[in-house]
Amino acid sequence: MTNWNNINFKRLKQEVISPTRNFSKKLLYIIHNLINMICIKNGERKIPYLIYDVRNNPITFDIVFIIYSAYLFFLKQGIKNFKLIIFEPKYYQYDRPMLSSYSKYISSSDLKKRITSMILPIAESFNCVNSIEIISSYKDFKKLKINNKYTFPQFFNPKIYSPIVQNHKEIYFNLLKIKKKELYPYLISVFSKEEIISKISRDKKIKKYATITLRDYGYNPERNSSSKEIKIAFSYAKKRGLSLILVPDEISNLDNYEIPKDIIIYSGAREFLKERVGLYSYSEMNIFPPCGAANISLFTKSSRTIILKFGDPNSIDSSAKYYKETYNINYGQQPYKGLKGYLDWYTNQYENSDYQIEIPRNFFND
């Protein structure tokens, strides 16, 4: 039930422009649909656009699922490629509220840098994104002469309507339904396998490899990596005759881990997203704690992905209860199977010192 005493004019205005409640979303969609039918003449240019408004969309690895959502939207119209518009108002301060614990690690300036260091290289790597344009004013937006039938989100107007496009439950409903990886959009490496291997190490001969990606920047520490995840990944790789490549998070935190000498640290993949796309693309298996970086592995064309300790009851935003409430995923389900991703659901056995990954036979071959 809504507590109207907590709603001020600023918050009400924000809810009208970018609705967060289900009632607001449905009502405002109906209103803008009616306005569009009655008053607005759609542009004649039938160009499909995904519009990413930096003011209201997550500036995280979730960009992968925003592009995936747009792909599903346009696919219903028989369209598999579209143009990405990044709406970034001139002088925008990136001062939107964040979770207090998150803001300790991610500053406003960091968010701004992520547009060029994260959002652009990921979007440029997607096979369904034809081109990208950054627009900084309402005037420039109007010049596009957009046809609302070919925009995602529909009826976007930077002044009055910029709905959040991510619908987690809808995304995971589709993930559970689509079982073949070839039916998804995918990320394409700009590097060959030989180029990636030469970037990893010039001293060691690498033929086949697996990766372990660390997460240690602080927000929700229950999702952070430990030496245990490195040990599990190293055992997995060693049994299969694979070199293990480690992608660090904060380089300065590497001293906090026990890292076997045979593991190769590839810091370039931490700094440059296109190198990371290449690294994950040619790996036999990419292993992660619950983190956004796993999205990159899931959407590379032929990669296989394992996410460890999924559903840890001690975690704020990755417990089994959280996934049920937020994504409508039941404990033990495998929503990433169509993307060749395996969730290693948390059990008490994970605390054992000799814990091993056990993937059902033929899981990745179905």
Protein backbone atom coordinates (compact mmCIF):
# COMPACT_ATOMS: atom_id res chain seq x y z
CA MET A 1 0.00 0.00 0.00
CA THR A 2 1.37 3.42 -0.96
CA ASN A 3 2.31 5.77 1.88
CA TRP A 4 1.27 9.10 0.40
CA ASN A 5 2.94 11.01 3.27
CA ASN A 6 6.33 10.01 1.86
CA ILE A 7 5.63 11.36 -1.64
CA ASN A 8 6.76 14.93 -2.34
CA PHE A 9 6.45 16.90 -5.58
CA LYS A 10 9.94 15.96 -6.79
CA ARG A 11 9.32 12.28 -6.23
CA LEU A 12 5.89 12.48 -7.88
CA LYS A 13 7.38 14.21 -10.92
CA GLN A 14 10.04 11.50 -11.17
CA GLU A 15 7.38 8.78 -10.96
CA VAL A 16 5.45 10.40 -13.82
CA ILE A 17 8.55 10.61 -16.03
CA SER A 18 10.08 7.28 -15.06
CA PRO A 19 7.48 5.11 -13.30
CA THR A 20 8.62 2.44 -10.87
CA ARG A 21 5.32 1.12 -9.49
CA ASN A 22 3.28 -1.36 -11.53
CA PHE A 23 0.16 0.81 -11.37
CA SER A 24 2.08 3.88 -12.56
CA LYS A 25 3.74 1.92 -15.37
CA LYS A 26 0.45 0.58 -16.73
CA LEU A 27 -1.44 3.86 -16.37
CA LEU A 28 1.26 6.01 -17.98
CA TYR A 29 1.73 3.54 -20.84
CA ILE A 30 -2.00 3.75 -21.60
CA ILE A 31 -1.94 7.55 -21.42
CA HIS A 32 1.05 7.90 -23.75
CA ASN A 33 -0.39 5.34 -26.14
CA LEU A 34 -3.63 7.37 -26.37
CA ILE A 35 -1.69 10.61 -26.84
CA ASN A 36 0.33 8.98 -29.58
CA MET A 37 -2.78 7.74 -31.42
CA ILE A 38 -4.68 11.02 -31.14
CA CYS A 39 -2.15 13.81 -31.24
CA ILE A 40 1.22 12.70 -32.50
CA LYS A 41 2.18 12.08 -36.08
CA ASN A 42 4.84 9.42 -36.11
CA GLY A 43 8.00 10.01 -38.07
CA GLU A 44 8.17 8.39 -41.45
CA ARG A 45 11.61 6.91 -40.87
CA LYS A 46 11.05 3.30 -39.89
CA ILE A 47 14.36 2.98 -38.11
CA PRO A 48 14.35 0.74 -35.00
CA TYR A 49 15.89 2.53 -32.00
CA LEU A 50 16.86 1.36 -28.55
CA ILE A 51 17.02 4.48 -26.39
CA TYR A 52 19.28 4.28 -23.36
CA ASP A 53 18.66 7.25 -21.08
CA VAL A 54 21.59 7.58 -18.67
CA ARG A 55 19.34 9.34 -16.14
CA ASN A 56 17.11 6.32 -15.54
CA ASN A 57 18.93 3.17 -16.66
CA PRO A 58 21.53 1.19 -14.70
CA ILE A 59 25.07 2.07 -15.75
CA THR A 60 26.26 -1.46 -15.11
CA PHE A 61 26.67 -4.79 -16.88
CA ASP A 62 22.86 -4.82 -16.96
CA ILE A 63 23.23 -3.06 -20.32
CA VAL A 64 23.47 -6.61 -21.69
CA PHE A 65 19.91 -7.38 -20.59
CA ILE A 66 18.63 -4.01 -21.77
CA ILE A 67 19.91 -4.84 -25.25
CA TYR A 68 18.45 -8.35 -24.93
CA SER A 69 15.04 -6.89 -23.97
CA ALA A 70 15.14 -4.57 -27.00
CA TYR A 71 16.06 -7.53 -29.21
CA LEU A 72 12.98 -9.46 -28.04
CA PHE A 73 10.79 -6.39 -28.57
CA PHE A 74 11.95 -5.84 -32.15
CA LEU A 75 12.00 -9.55 -32.96
CA LYS A 76 8.20 -9.56 -32.62
CA GLN A 77 8.21 -7.20 -35.62
CA GLY A 78 10.63 -9.37 -37.57
CA ILE A 79 13.56 -7.02 -36.84
CA LYS A 80 16.91 -8.38 -35.64
CA ASN A 81 19.06 -5.24 -35.75
CA PHE A 82 18.59 -1.76 -34.35
CA LYS A 83 20.34 1.50 -33.61
CA LEU A 84 21.31 2.49 -30.08
CA ILE A 85 20.70 6.07 -28.97
CA ILE A 86 22.45 7.05 -25.73
CA PHE A 87 20.64 10.07 -24.32
CA GLU A 88 23.12 11.91 -22.11
CA PRO A 89 22.03 15.50 -21.40
CA LYS A 90 24.79 18.03 -21.62
CA TYR A 91 26.27 18.80 -18.19
CA TYR A 92 24.34 15.93 -16.58
CA GLN A 93 25.90 15.38 -13.15
CA TYR A 94 25.17 11.66 -12.61
CA ASP A 95 23.90 12.58 -9.16
CA ARG A 96 20.99 10.15 -8.92
CA PRO A 97 20.63 8.35 -5.57
CA MET A 98 22.42 5.05 -5.08
CA LEU A 99 22.34 2.52 -2.30
CA SER A 100 24.44 3.99 0.51
CA SER A 101 26.82 1.03 0.58
CA TYR A 102 27.20 1.22 -3.21
CA SER A 103 28.08 4.91 -3.20
CA LYS A 104 31.11 4.15 -1.01
CA TYR A 105 32.68 2.44 -4.00
CA ILE A 106 31.09 4.06 -7.08
CA SER A 107 31.26 7.84 -7.39
CA SER A 108 29.34 10.06 -9.80
CA SER A 109 32.50 10.55 -11.86
CA ASP A 110 32.95 6.76 -12.00
CA LEU A 111 29.42 6.40 -13.37
CA LYS A 112 30.14 8.93 -16.10
CA LYS A 113 33.36 7.13 -17.09
CA ARG A 114 31.43 3.88 -17.39
CA ILE A 115 29.60 5.21 -20.45
CA THR A 116 32.81 5.04 -22.48
CA SER A 117 34.59 2.25 -20.59
CA MET A 118 31.64 -0.15 -20.20
CA ILE A 119 28.41 0.78 -22.00
CA LEU A 120 29.92 1.68 -25.37
CA PRO A 121 32.33 -1.28 -25.80
CA ILE A 122 29.64 -3.78 -24.78
CA ALA A 123 27.04 -2.27 -27.09
CA GLU A 124 29.53 -2.02 -29.96
CA SER A 125 30.25 -5.74 -29.59
CA PHE A 126 26.63 -6.88 -29.96
CA ASN A 127 25.71 -8.35 -33.33
CA CYS A 128 22.22 -6.80 -33.16
CA VAL A 129 23.40 -3.18 -32.68
CA ASN A 130 23.92 -1.52 -36.07
CA SER A 131 25.27 1.79 -34.86
CA ILE A 132 25.45 4.02 -31.80
CA GLU A 133 24.78 7.73 -31.44
CA ILE A 134 25.08 9.89 -28.32
CA ILE A 135 22.50 12.68 -28.13
CA SER A 136 22.70 15.46 -25.55
CA SER A 137 19.63 17.63 -26.13
CA TYR A 138 15.89 17.46 -26.75
CA LYS A 139 16.44 19.45 -29.96
CA ASP A 140 18.77 16.80 -31.37
CA PHE A 141 16.36 14.08 -30.30
CA LYS A 142 13.51 15.70 -32.24
CA LYS A 143 15.67 15.74 -35.38
CA LEU A 144 15.55 11.94 -35.42
CA LYS A 145 11.85 12.08 -36.40
CA ILE A 146 11.24 8.86 -34.54
CA ASN A 147 8.36 6.52 -35.33
CA ASN A 148 7.14 5.29 -31.93
CA LYS A 149 6.29 1.89 -33.33
CA TYR A 150 10.01 1.34 -33.85
CA THR A 151 11.36 2.55 -30.51
CA PHE A 152 12.19 0.76 -27.30
CA PRO A 153 10.97 1.95 -24.87
CA GLN A 154 7.86 3.04 -26.72
CA PHE A 155 6.73 6.68 -26.56
CA PHE A 156 10.06 7.84 -25.13
CA ASN A 157 10.27 11.60 -24.75
CA PRO A 158 13.29 12.98 -22.87
CA LYS A 159 11.19 15.77 -21.35
CA ILE A 160 8.11 13.92 -20.14
CA TYR A 161 8.45 10.12 -20.43
CA SER A 162 11.51 7.96 -19.96
CA PRO A 163 10.37 4.59 -18.61
CA ILE A 164 12.80 2.09 -17.14
CA VAL A 165 13.04 -0.66 -19.75
CA GLN A 166 14.25 -3.48 -17.52
CA ASN A 167 11.54 -5.88 -16.40
CA HIS A 168 13.40 -8.57 -14.47
CA LYS A 169 10.55 -11.06 -14.28
CA GLU A 170 9.82 -10.76 -17.99
CA ILE A 171 13.51 -11.18 -18.82
CA TYR A 172 13.81 -14.37 -16.80
CA PHE A 173 10.51 -15.71 -18.10
CA ASN A 174 11.99 -15.49 -21.60
CA LEU A 175 15.34 -16.93 -20.48
CA LEU A 176 13.58 -20.00 -19.08
CA LYS A 177 11.57 -20.38 -22.27
CA ILE A 178 14.31 -20.01 -24.91
CA LYS A 179 16.56 -23.09 -24.87
CA LYS A 180 18.82 -22.58 -27.91
CA LYS A 181 21.75 -20.18 -27.83
CA GLU A 182 21.45 -19.41 -31.54
CA LEU A 183 18.10 -17.71 -30.81
CA TYR A 184 19.82 -15.03 -28.70
CA PRO A 185 21.76 -11.96 -29.77
CA TYR A 186 25.45 -12.32 -29.02
CA LEU A 187 28.69 -10.43 -28.50
CA ILE A 188 31.38 -10.63 -31.15
CA SER A 189 35.09 -10.40 -30.34
CA VAL A 190 37.10 -7.89 -32.36
CA PHE A 191 40.17 -10.02 -31.59
CA SER A 192 41.09 -13.46 -32.91
CA LYS A 193 41.85 -16.28 -30.49
CA GLU A 194 45.56 -15.97 -31.34
CA GLU A 195 45.50 -12.25 -30.53
CA ILE A 196 43.82 -12.86 -27.17
CA ILE A 197 46.29 -15.60 -26.22
CA SER A 198 49.21 -13.33 -27.11
CA LYS A 199 47.72 -10.63 -24.85
CA ILE A 200 47.28 -13.07 -21.97
CA SER A 201 50.92 -14.15 -21.84
CA ARG A 202 53.92 -14.15 -24.15
CA ASP A 203 55.91 -16.40 -21.81
CA LYS A 204 53.59 -19.40 -21.45
CA LYS A 205 52.12 -21.60 -24.13
CA ILE A 206 48.35 -21.62 -23.84
CA LYS A 207 46.19 -23.87 -25.99
CA LYS A 208 42.93 -24.20 -24.09
CA TYR A 209 41.93 -22.29 -21.00
CA ALA A 210 39.23 -21.52 -18.45
CA THR A 211 38.74 -18.24 -16.58
CA ILE A 212 37.89 -17.16 -13.05
CA THR A 213 36.69 -13.56 -12.62
CA LEU A 214 36.97 -11.92 -9.21
CA ARG A 215 34.55 -9.56 -7.53
CA ASP A 216 35.87 -7.65 -4.53
CA TYR A 217 34.88 -3.98 -4.75
CA GLY A 218 32.81 -4.16 -1.58
CA TYR A 219 29.06 -3.76 -2.15
CA ASN A 220 27.29 -6.78 -0.66
CA PRO A 221 30.43 -8.60 0.50
CA GLU A 222 28.60 -11.95 0.55
CA ARG A 223 28.84 -11.93 -3.25
CA ASN A 224 32.53 -11.13 -3.25
CA SER A 225 35.18 -13.64 -4.26
CA SER A 226 37.44 -15.46 -1.87
CA SER A 227 40.40 -17.77 -2.27
CA LYS A 228 37.86 -20.60 -2.15
CA GLU A 229 36.38 -19.67 -5.56
CA ILE A 230 39.89 -19.54 -7.03
CA LYS A 231 40.63 -22.99 -5.59
CA ILE A 232 37.38 -24.43 -7.01
CA ALA A 233 38.09 -22.95 -10.47
CA PHE A 234 41.72 -24.11 -10.42
CA SER A 235 40.67 -27.68 -9.57
CA TYR A 236 38.06 -27.63 -12.33
CA ALA A 237 40.57 -26.39 -14.93
CA LYS A 238 43.38 -28.72 -13.84
CA LYS A 239 41.19 -31.83 -14.15
CA ARG A 240 40.40 -30.89 -17.74
CA GLY A 241 43.93 -29.96 -18.79
CA LEU A 242 43.11 -26.27 -19.05
CA SER A 243 45.20 -23.25 -18.15
CA LEU A 244 43.38 -20.99 -15.69
CA ILE A 245 43.23 -17.27 -16.44
CA LEU A 246 42.32 -14.94 -13.58
CA VAL A 247 40.55 -11.63 -14.29
CA PRO A 248 41.06 -9.37 -11.25
CA ASP A 249 38.70 -6.74 -9.92
CA GLU A 250 40.80 -4.25 -7.97
CA ILE A 251 44.44 -5.00 -8.77
CA SER A 252 45.53 -3.79 -5.33
CA ASN A 253 43.36 -6.48 -3.70
CA LEU A 254 45.15 -9.42 -5.32
CA ASP A 255 47.42 -9.76 -2.28
CA ASN A 256 44.33 -10.73 -0.28
CA TYR A 257 43.97 -14.00 -2.21
CA GLU A 258 45.85 -17.29 -2.26
CA ILE A 259 46.69 -17.67 -5.95
CA PRO A 260 48.51 -20.81 -7.15
CA LYS A 261 51.61 -19.97 -9.19
CA ASP A 262 50.25 -21.75 -12.28
CA ILE A 263 47.35 -19.31 -12.58
CA ILE A 264 47.87 -16.52 -15.12
CA ILE A 265 46.61 -13.05 -14.16
CA TYR A 266 45.22 -11.07 -17.11
CA SER A 267 44.67 -7.51 -15.88
CA GLY A 268 44.02 -6.19 -19.40
CA ALA A 269 40.63 -7.87 -19.43
CA ARG A 270 39.76 -5.91 -16.27
CA GLU A 271 40.54 -2.59 -17.89
CA PHE A 272 39.34 -3.11 -21.46
CA LEU A 273 35.90 -4.60 -22.04
CA LYS A 274 36.58 -5.62 -25.64
CA GLU A 275 39.53 -7.69 -24.48
CA ARG A 276 37.24 -9.29 -21.92
CA VAL A 277 34.70 -10.13 -24.61
CA GLY A 278 37.49 -11.82 -26.55
CA LEU A 279 38.83 -13.65 -23.51
CA TYR A 280 35.44 -15.09 -22.58
CA SER A 281 34.59 -15.88 -26.20
CA TYR A 282 37.44 -18.36 -26.69
CA SER A 283 37.45 -19.88 -23.20
CA GLU A 284 36.32 -23.45 -22.55
CA MET A 285 34.57 -22.27 -19.37
CA ASN A 286 34.14 -18.95 -17.54
CA ILE A 287 33.60 -19.12 -13.77
CA PHE A 288 32.21 -16.31 -11.60
CA PRO A 289 30.76 -15.48 -8.21
CA PRO A 290 27.30 -13.86 -8.61
CA CYS A 291 28.23 -10.67 -10.46
CA GLY A 292 27.33 -8.57 -13.46
CA ALA A 293 30.47 -9.54 -15.39
CA ALA A 294 28.97 -13.00 -15.91
CA ASN A 295 26.47 -11.38 -18.31
CA ILE A 296 29.31 -10.84 -20.79
CA SER A 297 30.22 -14.52 -20.77
CA LEU A 298 26.59 -15.61 -21.12
CA PHE A 299 26.08 -13.57 -24.27
CA THR A 300 29.30 -14.41 -26.09
CA LYS A 301 28.49 -16.73 -28.97
CA SER A 302 30.02 -20.04 -27.89
CA SER A 303 31.01 -19.52 -24.26
CA ARG A 304 30.02 -21.69 -21.31
CA THR A 305 29.48 -20.11 -17.92
CA ILE A 306 29.36 -21.26 -14.30
CA ILE A 307 28.13 -18.97 -11.52
CA LEU A 308 29.14 -20.21 -8.06
CA LYS A 309 27.31 -20.00 -4.70
CA PHE A 310 24.10 -18.87 -6.40
CA GLY A 311 21.30 -18.29 -3.89
CA ASP A 312 23.53 -17.90 -0.81
CA PRO A 313 21.03 -17.22 2.01
CA ASN A 314 23.43 -14.72 3.64
CA SER A 315 23.44 -12.45 0.59
CA ILE A 316 21.32 -9.30 0.40
CA ASP A 317 20.65 -9.45 -3.32
CA SER A 318 21.47 -12.97 -4.47
CA SER A 319 19.72 -15.24 -1.98
CA ALA A 320 17.21 -17.82 -3.19
CA LYS A 321 14.47 -15.73 -1.56
CA TYR A 322 15.63 -12.59 -3.39
CA TYR A 323 15.67 -14.35 -6.76
CA LYS A 324 12.18 -15.70 -6.20
CA GLU A 325 10.76 -12.30 -5.24
CA THR A 326 12.63 -10.25 -7.85
CA TYR A 327 12.95 -12.62 -10.82
CA ASN A 328 10.40 -15.35 -10.03
CA ILE A 329 13.16 -17.98 -10.20
CA ASN A 330 12.66 -21.04 -8.04
CA TYR A 331 15.56 -22.63 -6.17
CA GLY A 332 17.38 -25.05 -8.48
CA GLN A 333 16.05 -23.64 -11.77
CA GLN A 334 18.48 -23.00 -14.62
CA PRO A 335 17.34 -19.85 -16.49
CA TYR A 336 20.69 -19.53 -18.30
CA LYS A 337 20.69 -23.01 -19.80
CA GLY A 338 19.79 -21.70 -23.26
CA LEU A 339 22.85 -19.44 -22.99
CA LYS A 340 25.01 -22.41 -21.89
CA GLY A 341 25.15 -21.04 -18.37
CA TYR A 342 25.04 -23.19 -15.25
CA LEU A 343 23.99 -21.92 -11.82
CA ASP A 344 25.81 -23.78 -9.05
CA TRP A 345 23.03 -23.30 -6.48
CA TYR A 346 24.30 -22.86 -2.94
CA THR A 347 24.05 -25.74 -0.46
CA ASN A 348 25.78 -26.24 2.89
CA GLN A 349 28.28 -28.48 1.09
CA TYR A 350 29.79 -25.32 -0.40
CA GLU A 351 31.46 -24.70 2.97
CA ASN A 352 33.48 -27.93 2.69
CA SER A 353 37.18 -27.34 2.00
CA ASP A 354 37.20 -29.91 -0.83
CA TYR A 355 34.06 -28.63 -2.61
CA GLN A 356 33.96 -29.46 -6.34
CA ILE A 357 31.68 -28.25 -9.14
CA GLU A 358 29.34 -31.02 -10.26
CA ILE A 359 27.53 -30.23 -13.50
CA PRO A 360 24.87 -32.72 -14.68
CA ARG A 361 26.09 -34.84 -17.56
CA ASN A 362 25.26 -33.43 -21.00
CA PHE A 363 24.01 -30.16 -19.45
CA PHE A 364 25.80 -28.11 -22.09
CA ASN A 365 25.02 -30.50 -24.92
CA ASP A 366 21.21 -30.55 -24.72
